[in-house]
Amino acid sequence: QVQLVESGGGLVQPGGSLRLSCAASGSIFSINAMGWYRQAPRKQRELVARITSSGSTVYADSVKGRFTISRDNAKNTVYLQMNSLKPEDTAVYYCNMINPQGRGWWGQGTQVTVSS
């Protein structure tokens, strides 16, 4: 059974930093594409960043230069380093994994709140 478990969310002041982690189990992590999405209240879920099995990355324009996605295949974990956080980054952040056959899985989400 595939499981994705996110951690690292919390309350941070504007300009602060957080690092989210997503630990995967039940699948061959290294061959899967991984991504972080977020959903703010009354808004649709949106892509934040994505990383392929080969390490290529894609970022939403709103987070370019502030967020960094990375993966550690030895630990079956993907990270999202978030710097210079803004109130508009407040959302529930979800980890996503897609295998080469196109099947996807979601984590349960972790709340990130940016507020003074």
Protein backbone atom coordinates (compact mmCIF):
# COMPACT_ATOMS: atom_id res chain seq x y z
CA GLN A 1 0.00 0.00 0.00
CA VAL A 2 1.39 3.35 -1.05
CA GLN A 3 1.57 6.01 1.64
CA LEU A 4 2.74 9.62 1.57
CA VAL A 5 3.23 11.33 4.91
CA GLU A 6 3.90 15.06 5.02
CA SER A 7 5.46 16.94 7.91
CA GLY A 8 7.01 20.30 8.68
CA GLY A 9 4.07 22.65 8.40
CA GLY A 10 3.25 25.26 11.00
CA LEU A 11 2.91 28.94 11.80
CA VAL A 12 5.64 31.29 10.62
CA GLN A 13 6.00 35.05 10.38
CA PRO A 14 6.25 36.79 7.00
CA GLY A 15 9.79 36.55 5.70
CA GLY A 16 10.41 33.34 7.59
CA SER A 17 11.25 29.85 6.37
CA LEU A 18 9.88 26.34 6.65
CA ARG A 19 10.92 22.99 5.23
CA LEU A 20 8.27 20.47 4.35
CA SER A 21 9.05 16.77 4.07
CA CYS A 22 7.11 13.97 2.42
CA ALA A 23 8.10 10.39 3.17
CA ALA A 24 6.89 7.77 0.71
CA SER A 25 6.44 4.06 1.19
CA GLY A 26 4.99 1.17 -0.78
CA SER A 27 6.40 2.13 -4.17
CA ILE A 28 9.74 2.38 -5.95
CA PHE A 29 10.33 5.99 -5.01
CA SER A 30 13.29 6.69 -7.29
CA ILE A 31 11.34 6.16 -10.52
CA ASN A 32 8.41 8.35 -9.57
CA ALA A 33 7.83 12.02 -10.17
CA MET A 34 7.09 13.97 -7.00
CA GLY A 35 5.30 17.23 -6.49
CA TRP A 36 4.00 19.71 -3.95
CA TYR A 37 0.59 21.31 -4.39
CA ARG A 38 -1.29 23.70 -2.17
CA GLN A 39 -4.87 24.69 -1.58
CA ALA A 40 -5.91 27.89 0.12
CA PRO A 41 -9.46 28.40 1.47
CA ARG A 42 -12.00 28.89 -1.31
CA LYS A 43 -9.34 28.33 -3.98
CA GLN A 44 -8.47 25.46 -6.26
CA ARG A 45 -5.52 23.21 -5.57
CA GLU A 46 -2.48 24.44 -7.49
CA LEU A 47 0.94 23.14 -8.37
CA VAL A 48 3.76 24.61 -6.31
CA ALA A 49 6.74 22.58 -7.54
CA ARG A 50 7.50 19.29 -9.19
CA ILE A 51 10.61 17.14 -9.55
CA THR A 52 11.08 14.24 -11.95
CA SER A 53 12.93 11.01 -11.31
CA SER A 54 15.96 12.51 -13.06
CA GLY A 55 15.87 15.67 -10.92
CA SER A 56 14.34 18.15 -13.35
CA THR A 57 12.24 20.74 -11.58
CA VAL A 58 9.29 22.99 -12.36
CA TYR A 59 8.01 25.82 -10.16
CA ALA A 60 4.94 27.98 -10.08
CA ASP A 61 5.79 31.56 -10.99
CA SER A 62 4.60 32.74 -7.58
CA VAL A 63 7.28 30.75 -5.75
CA LYS A 64 10.25 30.93 -8.14
CA GLY A 65 13.37 32.11 -6.35
CA ARG A 66 11.84 31.47 -2.92
CA PHE A 67 11.02 27.76 -2.84
CA THR A 68 13.24 24.79 -3.65
CA ILE A 69 12.10 21.22 -4.22
CA SER A 70 14.55 18.38 -3.74
CA ARG A 71 14.52 14.63 -3.26
CA ASP A 72 16.57 12.05 -1.40
CA ASN A 73 15.99 8.70 -3.06
CA ALA A 74 17.91 6.88 -0.33
CA LYS A 75 15.36 8.14 2.21
CA ASN A 76 12.31 7.96 -0.10
CA THR A 77 11.67 11.57 0.78
CA VAL A 78 10.92 14.77 -1.11
CA TYR A 79 11.43 18.19 0.45
CA LEU A 80 10.14 21.69 -0.11
CA GLN A 81 12.32 24.44 1.30
CA MET A 82 10.25 27.60 1.58
CA ASN A 83 12.02 30.91 2.18
CA SER A 84 10.80 34.51 2.26
CA LEU A 85 7.31 33.30 3.05
CA LYS A 86 4.39 35.60 2.40
CA PRO A 87 0.85 35.63 3.83
CA GLU A 88 -0.42 34.51 0.43
CA ASP A 89 1.58 31.28 0.82
CA THR A 90 -0.86 30.26 3.55
CA ALA A 91 -2.50 27.00 2.48
CA VAL A 92 -2.66 23.29 3.05
CA TYR A 93 0.31 21.77 1.25
CA TYR A 94 -0.07 18.33 -0.31
CA CYS A 95 2.55 15.89 -1.49
CA ASN A 96 1.87 14.09 -4.77
CA MET A 97 3.56 11.09 -6.37
CA ILE A 98 3.06 9.82 -9.92
CA ASN A 99 4.51 6.55 -11.19
CA PRO A 100 5.69 6.00 -14.78
CA GLN A 101 2.32 4.47 -15.65
CA GLY A 102 0.59 7.72 -14.67
CA ARG A 103 -1.01 6.54 -11.47
CA GLY A 104 -0.97 9.13 -8.71
CA TRP A 105 -1.21 9.31 -4.95
CA TRP A 106 -1.74 12.15 -2.46
CA GLY A 107 -0.65 12.75 1.08
CA GLN A 108 -2.99 13.96 3.80
CA GLY A 109 -1.71 17.53 3.68
CA THR A 110 0.07 19.81 6.12
CA GLN A 111 -1.05 23.31 7.09
CA VAL A 112 1.26 26.26 6.47
CA THR A 113 0.19 29.58 7.96
CA VAL A 114 2.16 32.77 7.34
CA SER A 115 1.05 35.50 9.70
CA SER A 116 2.41 38.06 12.09
